[in-house]
Amino acid sequence: MKNKLKLFIVLFLLIGCLTSCIQRHSLKIVSNDFCDSCNKWSGYYFYNRYYLEGYDNCLDSALMLIDEALPRCEEELYDLSIRKLAVLCGKQEYDKAISFMDSISFVGHNYSCYEPVIRRRIHAMKCQSEGDIPERNRYLQEIIDILENFLANNAGAVDSVWKNIDWEYHEDSIVLATNQYYLYLSVLKGWGCTDRKLDSLYYNGIINQMGFEILQSTCASGAEFMVFKGI
């Protein structure tokens, strides 16, 4: 009930803002307040769904706000689209998420193989939800192969990044791809196998200490594979 009241108040304010924008700008310009509010509140409902009353209601509220914003908020289009993917996965509506991906332009965002990786992840999540582990593992192996090829094709940059980069704050494509590689490897092969591989990289001086610790944390989060947050 509390969530519904909050959503009603938010929507009332957003609709009022949108109506004002339409009257003043004939639909050519949408208030930044509207887009910012949709972005903020959809994130609030999505990320706090475990703590608020009504898990499904929170996801429905987030999806409603995102769908209101998508046709009108060009600057936030990509971030809102990725959040919609996450919401649909949270609702276990994997087929809708896969279909929605066709409308997203991934050009210029994240690393070059992000789109095929995420597409296969959603397929893998669907398979796991249906208990089809062999098919899930097939998709996971495809993801690992894609990321492995990406890292191999950027070997020179990989060597420099792994040894020198401040991993905690740097969103370099090599860092993102490396994190994703070890995440999916830990899901497919298990923590023990991945941990031994990381130990070898660290003790042979191939990766620095910060990278080693962050990748260990990434692998530990493999247990949360079914919780897609956009990466």
C-alpha atoms as a PDB file:
ATOM      1  CA  MET A   1       0.000   0.000   0.000  1.00  0.00           C
ATOM      2  CA  LYS A   2       2.854   2.354   0.901  1.00  0.00           C
ATOM      3  CA  ASN A   3       4.576   1.612  -2.403  1.00  0.00           C
ATOM      4  CA  LYS A   4       1.409   2.317  -4.363  1.00  0.00           C
ATOM      5  CA  LEU A   5       0.941   5.640  -2.557  1.00  0.00           C
ATOM      6  CA  LYS A   6       4.559   6.618  -3.277  1.00  0.00           C
ATOM      7  CA  LEU A   7       4.166   5.656  -6.915  1.00  0.00           C
ATOM      8  CA  PHE A   8       0.933   7.659  -7.211  1.00  0.00           C
ATOM      9  CA  ILE A   9       2.620  10.756  -5.794  1.00  0.00           C
ATOM     10  CA  VAL A  10       5.649  10.366  -8.060  1.00  0.00           C
ATOM     11  CA  LEU A  11       3.528   9.803 -11.145  1.00  0.00           C
ATOM     12  CA  PHE A  12       1.318  12.773 -10.256  1.00  0.00           C
ATOM     13  CA  LEU A  13       4.371  15.019 -10.086  1.00  0.00           C
ATOM     14  CA  LEU A  14       5.878  13.571 -13.264  1.00  0.00           C
ATOM     15  CA  ILE A  15       2.654  13.889 -15.231  1.00  0.00           C
ATOM     16  CA  GLY A  16       2.257  17.466 -14.027  1.00  0.00           C
ATOM     17  CA  CYS A  17       5.792  18.255 -15.150  1.00  0.00           C
ATOM     18  CA  LEU A  18       5.223  16.572 -18.511  1.00  0.00           C
ATOM     19  CA  THR A  19       1.936  18.400 -19.069  1.00  0.00           C
ATOM     20  CA  SER A  20       3.651  21.693 -18.397  1.00  0.00           C
ATOM     21  CA  CYS A  21       6.393  20.810 -20.867  1.00  0.00           C
ATOM     22  CA  ILE A  22       3.867  19.913 -23.550  1.00  0.00           C
ATOM     23  CA  GLN A  23       2.013  23.187 -23.089  1.00  0.00           C
ATOM     24  CA  ARG A  24       5.156  25.300 -23.252  1.00  0.00           C
ATOM     25  CA  HIS A  25       7.195  23.466 -25.849  1.00  0.00           C
ATOM     26  CA  SER A  26       4.707  21.578 -28.015  1.00  0.00           C
ATOM     27  CA  LEU A  27       6.385  18.238 -27.266  1.00  0.00           C
ATOM     28  CA  LYS A  28       9.711  19.390 -28.734  1.00  0.00           C
ATOM     29  CA  ILE A  29      11.507  19.662 -25.411  1.00  0.00           C
ATOM     30  CA  VAL A  30      10.877  17.532 -22.351  1.00  0.00           C
ATOM     31  CA  SER A  31      11.827  18.897 -18.945  1.00  0.00           C
ATOM     32  CA  ASN A  32      15.038  17.517 -17.541  1.00  0.00           C
ATOM     33  CA  ASP A  33      13.191  17.208 -14.242  1.00  0.00           C
ATOM     34  CA  PHE A  34      10.867  14.616 -15.776  1.00  0.00           C
ATOM     35  CA  CYS A  35      13.722  12.491 -17.138  1.00  0.00           C
ATOM     36  CA  ASP A  36      15.807  12.841 -13.993  1.00  0.00           C
ATOM     37  CA  SER A  37      12.835  11.865 -11.847  1.00  0.00           C
ATOM     38  CA  CYS A  38      12.031   8.796 -13.934  1.00  0.00           C
ATOM     39  CA  ASN A  39      15.676   7.762 -13.839  1.00  0.00           C
ATOM     40  CA  LYS A  40      15.968   8.341 -10.104  1.00  0.00           C
ATOM     41  CA  TRP A  41      12.732   6.681  -9.048  1.00  0.00           C
ATOM     42  CA  SER A  42      12.994   3.704 -11.388  1.00  0.00           C
ATOM     43  CA  GLY A  43      16.436   3.090  -9.882  1.00  0.00           C
ATOM     44  CA  TYR A  44      15.045   3.497  -6.392  1.00  0.00           C
ATOM     45  CA  TYR A  45      12.339   0.878  -6.945  1.00  0.00           C
ATOM     46  CA  PHE A  46      14.692  -1.507  -8.768  1.00  0.00           C
ATOM     47  CA  TYR A  47      17.602  -1.439  -6.323  1.00  0.00           C
ATOM     48  CA  ASN A  48      15.465  -1.357  -3.169  1.00  0.00           C
ATOM     49  CA  ARG A  49      12.994  -4.050  -4.201  1.00  0.00           C
ATOM     50  CA  TYR A  50      14.400  -6.469  -1.624  1.00  0.00           C
ATOM     51  CA  TYR A  51      13.828  -4.020   1.218  1.00  0.00           C
ATOM     52  CA  LEU A  52      10.491  -2.462   0.303  1.00  0.00           C
ATOM     53  CA  GLU A  53       7.120  -4.165   0.658  1.00  0.00           C
ATOM     54  CA  GLY A  54       6.162  -6.029  -2.499  1.00  0.00           C
ATOM     55  CA  TYR A  55       9.032  -7.245  -4.706  1.00  0.00           C
ATOM     56  CA  ASP A  56       6.870  -7.531  -7.827  1.00  0.00           C
ATOM     57  CA  ASN A  57       5.174  -4.181  -7.203  1.00  0.00           C
ATOM     58  CA  CYS A  58       8.567  -2.469  -7.071  1.00  0.00           C
ATOM     59  CA  LEU A  59       9.608  -3.978 -10.391  1.00  0.00           C
ATOM     60  CA  ASP A  60       6.262  -3.040 -11.943  1.00  0.00           C
ATOM     61  CA  SER A  61       6.668   0.521 -10.669  1.00  0.00           C
ATOM     62  CA  ALA A  62      10.203   0.751 -12.073  1.00  0.00           C
ATOM     63  CA  LEU A  63       9.050  -0.603 -15.434  1.00  0.00           C
ATOM     64  CA  MET A  64       6.141   1.862 -15.618  1.00  0.00           C
ATOM     65  CA  LEU A  65       8.457   4.825 -15.006  1.00  0.00           C
ATOM     66  CA  ILE A  66      11.012   3.587 -17.545  1.00  0.00           C
ATOM     67  CA  ASP A  67       8.368   3.079 -20.235  1.00  0.00           C
ATOM     68  CA  GLU A  68       7.088   6.616 -19.630  1.00  0.00           C
ATOM     69  CA  ALA A  69      10.586   8.025 -20.037  1.00  0.00           C
ATOM     70  CA  LEU A  70      12.014   6.000 -22.932  1.00  0.00           C
ATOM     71  CA  PRO A  71      10.206   7.843 -25.779  1.00  0.00           C
ATOM     72  CA  ARG A  72      10.986  11.253 -24.292  1.00  0.00           C
ATOM     73  CA  CYS A  73      14.425  11.171 -22.653  1.00  0.00           C
ATOM     74  CA  GLU A  74      17.139  10.913 -25.267  1.00  0.00           C
ATOM     75  CA  GLU A  75      20.084  11.627 -22.959  1.00  0.00           C
ATOM     76  CA  GLU A  76      19.062   8.902 -20.528  1.00  0.00           C
ATOM     77  CA  LEU A  77      17.901   6.488 -23.251  1.00  0.00           C
ATOM     78  CA  TYR A  78      20.763   4.005 -22.982  1.00  0.00           C
ATOM     79  CA  ASP A  79      20.886   3.853 -19.171  1.00  0.00           C
ATOM     80  CA  LEU A  80      17.103   3.510 -18.929  1.00  0.00           C
ATOM     81  CA  SER A  81      17.124   0.797 -21.605  1.00  0.00           C
ATOM     82  CA  ILE A  82      19.730  -1.238 -19.708  1.00  0.00           C
ATOM     83  CA  ARG A  83      17.718  -0.824 -16.518  1.00  0.00           C
ATOM     84  CA  LYS A  84      14.616  -2.053 -18.340  1.00  0.00           C
ATOM     85  CA  LEU A  85      16.562  -5.175 -19.303  1.00  0.00           C
ATOM     86  CA  ALA A  86      17.467  -5.655 -15.644  1.00  0.00           C
ATOM     87  CA  VAL A  87      13.849  -5.155 -14.551  1.00  0.00           C
ATOM     88  CA  LEU A  88      12.543  -7.655 -17.106  1.00  0.00           C
ATOM     89  CA  CYS A  89      15.129 -10.178 -15.935  1.00  0.00           C
ATOM     90  CA  GLY A  90      14.089  -9.516 -12.338  1.00  0.00           C
ATOM     91  CA  LYS A  91      10.526 -10.334 -13.374  1.00  0.00           C
ATOM     92  CA  GLN A  92      11.887 -13.465 -15.139  1.00  0.00           C
ATOM     93  CA  GLU A  93      10.438 -12.214 -18.422  1.00  0.00           C
ATOM     94  CA  TYR A  94      13.505 -13.312 -20.338  1.00  0.00           C
ATOM     95  CA  ASP A  95      11.900 -13.546 -23.782  1.00  0.00           C
ATOM     96  CA  LYS A  96      10.720  -9.937 -23.491  1.00  0.00           C
ATOM     97  CA  ALA A  97      14.215  -8.880 -22.399  1.00  0.00           C
ATOM     98  CA  ILE A  98      15.827 -10.615 -25.379  1.00  0.00           C
ATOM     99  CA  SER A  99      13.344  -9.022 -27.784  1.00  0.00           C
ATOM    100  CA  PHE A 100      13.843  -5.590 -26.201  1.00  0.00           C
ATOM    101  CA  MET A 101      17.594  -5.811 -26.788  1.00  0.00           C
ATOM    102  CA  ASP A 102      16.970  -5.385 -30.530  1.00  0.00           C
ATOM    103  CA  SER A 103      15.844  -1.797 -29.874  1.00  0.00           C
ATOM    104  CA  ILE A 104      18.988  -0.788 -27.961  1.00  0.00           C
ATOM    105  CA  SER A 105      21.954   0.862 -29.661  1.00  0.00           C
ATOM    106  CA  PHE A 106      25.100  -0.386 -27.940  1.00  0.00           C
ATOM    107  CA  VAL A 107      27.466   1.622 -30.150  1.00  0.00           C
ATOM    108  CA  GLY A 108      29.876   3.659 -28.046  1.00  0.00           C
ATOM    109  CA  HIS A 109      28.877   2.040 -24.761  1.00  0.00           C
ATOM    110  CA  ASN A 110      31.008  -0.351 -22.694  1.00  0.00           C
ATOM    111  CA  TYR A 111      33.300  -2.685 -24.613  1.00  0.00           C
ATOM    112  CA  SER A 112      32.681  -3.849 -28.173  1.00  0.00           C
ATOM    113  CA  CYS A 113      31.459  -7.354 -27.311  1.00  0.00           C
ATOM    114  CA  TYR A 114      29.111  -6.206 -24.535  1.00  0.00           C
ATOM    115  CA  GLU A 115      25.929  -6.788 -26.553  1.00  0.00           C
ATOM    116  CA  PRO A 116      26.581 -10.451 -27.516  1.00  0.00           C
ATOM    117  CA  VAL A 117      27.748 -11.182 -23.968  1.00  0.00           C
ATOM    118  CA  ILE A 118      24.604  -9.752 -22.356  1.00  0.00           C
ATOM    119  CA  ARG A 119      22.331 -11.403 -24.912  1.00  0.00           C
ATOM    120  CA  ARG A 120      23.810 -14.808 -24.105  1.00  0.00           C
ATOM    121  CA  ARG A 121      23.689 -14.109 -20.389  1.00  0.00           C
ATOM    122  CA  ILE A 122      19.937 -13.533 -20.545  1.00  0.00           C
ATOM    123  CA  HIS A 123      19.542 -16.771 -22.513  1.00  0.00           C
ATOM    124  CA  ALA A 124      21.638 -18.540 -19.858  1.00  0.00           C
ATOM    125  CA  MET A 125      19.526 -17.081 -17.047  1.00  0.00           C
ATOM    126  CA  LYS A 126      16.378 -18.285 -18.772  1.00  0.00           C
ATOM    127  CA  CYS A 127      17.848 -21.781 -19.107  1.00  0.00           C
ATOM    128  CA  GLN A 128      18.829 -21.855 -15.434  1.00  0.00           C
ATOM    129  CA  SER A 129      15.352 -20.712 -14.374  1.00  0.00           C
ATOM    130  CA  GLU A 130      13.962 -23.651 -16.368  1.00  0.00           C
ATOM    131  CA  GLY A 131      16.449 -26.117 -14.872  1.00  0.00           C
ATOM    132  CA  ASP A 132      18.255 -26.676 -18.190  1.00  0.00           C
ATOM    133  CA  ILE A 133      21.832 -26.530 -16.889  1.00  0.00           C
ATOM    134  CA  PRO A 134      23.532 -28.104 -19.945  1.00  0.00           C
ATOM    135  CA  GLU A 135      22.025 -25.421 -22.205  1.00  0.00           C
ATOM    136  CA  ARG A 136      22.909 -22.742 -19.664  1.00  0.00           C
ATOM    137  CA  ASN A 137      26.496 -23.964 -19.688  1.00  0.00           C
ATOM    138  CA  ARG A 138      26.574 -23.818 -23.484  1.00  0.00           C
ATOM    139  CA  TYR A 139      25.693 -20.127 -23.394  1.00  0.00           C
ATOM    140  CA  LEU A 140      28.208 -19.496 -20.600  1.00  0.00           C
ATOM    141  CA  GLN A 141      30.969 -21.145 -22.618  1.00  0.00           C
ATOM    142  CA  GLU A 142      30.090 -18.983 -25.611  1.00  0.00           C
ATOM    143  CA  ILE A 143      30.365 -15.892 -23.393  1.00  0.00           C
ATOM    144  CA  ILE A 144      33.745 -17.000 -22.067  1.00  0.00           C
ATOM    145  CA  ASP A 145      34.997 -17.627 -25.610  1.00  0.00           C
ATOM    146  CA  ILE A 146      33.846 -14.167 -26.743  1.00  0.00           C
ATOM    147  CA  LEU A 147      35.574 -12.437 -23.822  1.00  0.00           C
ATOM    148  CA  GLU A 148      38.686 -14.571 -24.173  1.00  0.00           C
ATOM    149  CA  ASN A 149      38.972 -13.569 -27.832  1.00  0.00           C
ATOM    150  CA  PHE A 150      38.435  -9.912 -26.957  1.00  0.00           C
ATOM    151  CA  LEU A 151      41.232 -10.005 -24.386  1.00  0.00           C
ATOM    152  CA  ALA A 152      43.531 -11.928 -26.740  1.00  0.00           C
ATOM    153  CA  ASN A 153      42.959  -9.388 -29.527  1.00  0.00           C
ATOM    154  CA  ASN A 154      43.934  -6.614 -27.108  1.00  0.00           C
ATOM    155  CA  ALA A 155      46.893  -8.460 -25.582  1.00  0.00           C
ATOM    156  CA  GLY A 156      49.214  -5.435 -25.496  1.00  0.00           C
ATOM    157  CA  ALA A 157      46.704  -3.302 -23.624  1.00  0.00           C
ATOM    158  CA  VAL A 158      45.783  -6.210 -21.355  1.00  0.00           C
ATOM    159  CA  ASP A 159      49.384  -6.629 -20.173  1.00  0.00           C
ATOM    160  CA  SER A 160      49.672  -2.946 -19.266  1.00  0.00           C
ATOM    161  CA  VAL A 161      46.251  -2.687 -17.641  1.00  0.00           C
ATOM    162  CA  TRP A 162      46.575  -5.822 -15.539  1.00  0.00           C
ATOM    163  CA  LYS A 163      49.890  -4.719 -14.039  1.00  0.00           C
ATOM    164  CA  ASN A 164      49.380  -0.995 -13.584  1.00  0.00           C
ATOM    165  CA  ILE A 165      45.764   0.093 -13.473  1.00  0.00           C
ATOM    166  CA  ASP A 166      43.845   1.389 -10.473  1.00  0.00           C
ATOM    167  CA  TRP A 167      41.068  -1.188 -10.877  1.00  0.00           C
ATOM    168  CA  GLU A 168      38.702   0.190  -8.296  1.00  0.00           C
ATOM    169  CA  TYR A 169      38.026   3.443 -10.102  1.00  0.00           C
ATOM    170  CA  HIS A 170      38.895   2.801 -13.734  1.00  0.00           C
ATOM    171  CA  GLU A 171      36.183   1.734 -16.175  1.00  0.00           C
ATOM    172  CA  ASP A 172      38.533   0.774 -18.980  1.00  0.00           C
ATOM    173  CA  SER A 173      37.078  -1.730 -21.458  1.00  0.00           C
ATOM    174  CA  ILE A 174      39.858  -4.191 -20.543  1.00  0.00           C
ATOM    175  CA  VAL A 175      38.872  -4.009 -16.871  1.00  0.00           C
ATOM    176  CA  LEU A 176      35.192  -4.532 -17.678  1.00  0.00           C
ATOM    177  CA  ALA A 177      35.909  -7.467 -19.994  1.00  0.00           C
ATOM    178  CA  THR A 178      38.295  -9.044 -17.473  1.00  0.00           C
ATOM    179  CA  ASN A 179      35.772  -8.754 -14.658  1.00  0.00           C
ATOM    180  CA  GLN A 180      33.085 -10.298 -16.822  1.00  0.00           C
ATOM    181  CA  TYR A 181      35.384 -13.094 -17.996  1.00  0.00           C
ATOM    182  CA  TYR A 182      36.150 -14.246 -14.457  1.00  0.00           C
ATOM    183  CA  LEU A 183      32.563 -13.807 -13.328  1.00  0.00           C
ATOM    184  CA  TYR A 184      31.238 -16.176 -15.990  1.00  0.00           C
ATOM    185  CA  LEU A 185      34.181 -18.548 -15.579  1.00  0.00           C
ATOM    186  CA  SER A 186      33.386 -18.854 -11.867  1.00  0.00           C
ATOM    187  CA  VAL A 187      29.726 -19.615 -12.644  1.00  0.00           C
ATOM    188  CA  LEU A 188      30.673 -22.301 -15.172  1.00  0.00           C
ATOM    189  CA  LYS A 189      33.753 -23.854 -13.561  1.00  0.00           C
ATOM    190  CA  GLY A 190      33.238 -23.069  -9.896  1.00  0.00           C
ATOM    191  CA  TRP A 191      35.061 -20.837  -7.418  1.00  0.00           C
ATOM    192  CA  GLY A 192      37.954 -23.264  -6.800  1.00  0.00           C
ATOM    193  CA  CYS A 193      39.039 -23.456 -10.431  1.00  0.00           C
ATOM    194  CA  THR A 194      38.839 -19.705 -10.934  1.00  0.00           C
ATOM    195  CA  ASP A 195      40.624 -18.928  -7.670  1.00  0.00           C
ATOM    196  CA  ARG A 196      43.579 -21.117  -8.647  1.00  0.00           C
ATOM    197  CA  LYS A 197      43.818 -19.317 -11.987  1.00  0.00           C
ATOM    198  CA  LEU A 198      43.821 -15.921 -10.276  1.00  0.00           C
ATOM    199  CA  ASP A 199      46.461 -17.091  -7.794  1.00  0.00           C
ATOM    200  CA  SER A 200      48.694 -18.043 -10.702  1.00  0.00           C
ATOM    201  CA  LEU A 201      48.237 -14.650 -12.395  1.00  0.00           C
ATOM    202  CA  TYR A 202      49.024 -12.764  -9.187  1.00  0.00           C
ATOM    203  CA  TYR A 203      52.016 -14.753  -7.980  1.00  0.00           C
ATOM    204  CA  ASN A 204      53.563 -14.681 -11.443  1.00  0.00           C
ATOM    205  CA  GLY A 205      53.304 -10.881 -11.519  1.00  0.00           C
ATOM    206  CA  ILE A 206      50.806 -10.797 -14.391  1.00  0.00           C
ATOM    207  CA  ILE A 207      48.176  -8.874 -12.420  1.00  0.00           C
ATOM    208  CA  ASN A 208      48.585  -6.345  -9.606  1.00  0.00           C
ATOM    209  CA  GLN A 209      47.273  -6.764  -6.069  1.00  0.00           C
ATOM    210  CA  MET A 210      44.244  -4.497  -6.464  1.00  0.00           C
ATOM    211  CA  GLY A 211      43.188  -6.321  -9.624  1.00  0.00           C
ATOM    212  CA  PHE A 212      43.667  -9.662  -7.868  1.00  0.00           C
ATOM    213  CA  GLU A 213      41.474  -8.657  -4.913  1.00  0.00           C
ATOM    214  CA  ILE A 214      38.753  -7.150  -7.076  1.00  0.00           C
ATOM    215  CA  LEU A 215      38.621 -10.202  -9.346  1.00  0.00           C
ATOM    216  CA  GLN A 216      38.385 -12.455  -6.298  1.00  0.00           C
ATOM    217  CA  SER A 217      35.381 -10.417  -5.161  1.00  0.00           C
ATOM    218  CA  THR A 218      33.910 -10.606  -8.674  1.00  0.00           C
ATOM    219  CA  CYS A 219      34.214 -14.385  -8.700  1.00  0.00           C
ATOM    220  CA  ALA A 220      32.611 -14.638  -5.275  1.00  0.00           C
ATOM    221  CA  SER A 221      29.620 -12.712  -6.672  1.00  0.00           C
ATOM    222  CA  GLY A 222      29.078 -15.490  -9.227  1.00  0.00           C
ATOM    223  CA  ALA A 223      26.524 -16.887  -6.790  1.00  0.00           C
ATOM    224  CA  GLU A 224      24.388 -13.872  -7.739  1.00  0.00           C
ATOM    225  CA  PHE A 225      24.446 -14.778 -11.425  1.00  0.00           C
ATOM    226  CA  MET A 226      20.642 -14.708 -11.623  1.00  0.00           C
ATOM    227  CA  VAL A 227      20.549 -11.083 -10.435  1.00  0.00           C
ATOM    228  CA  PHE A 228      21.271  -9.017 -13.545  1.00  0.00           C
ATOM    229  CA  LYS A 229      22.076  -5.363 -12.809  1.00  0.00           C
ATOM    230  CA  GLY A 230      23.086  -4.275 -16.285  1.00  0.00           C
ATOM    231  CA  ILE A 231      26.577  -5.732 -16.549  1.00  0.00           C
END
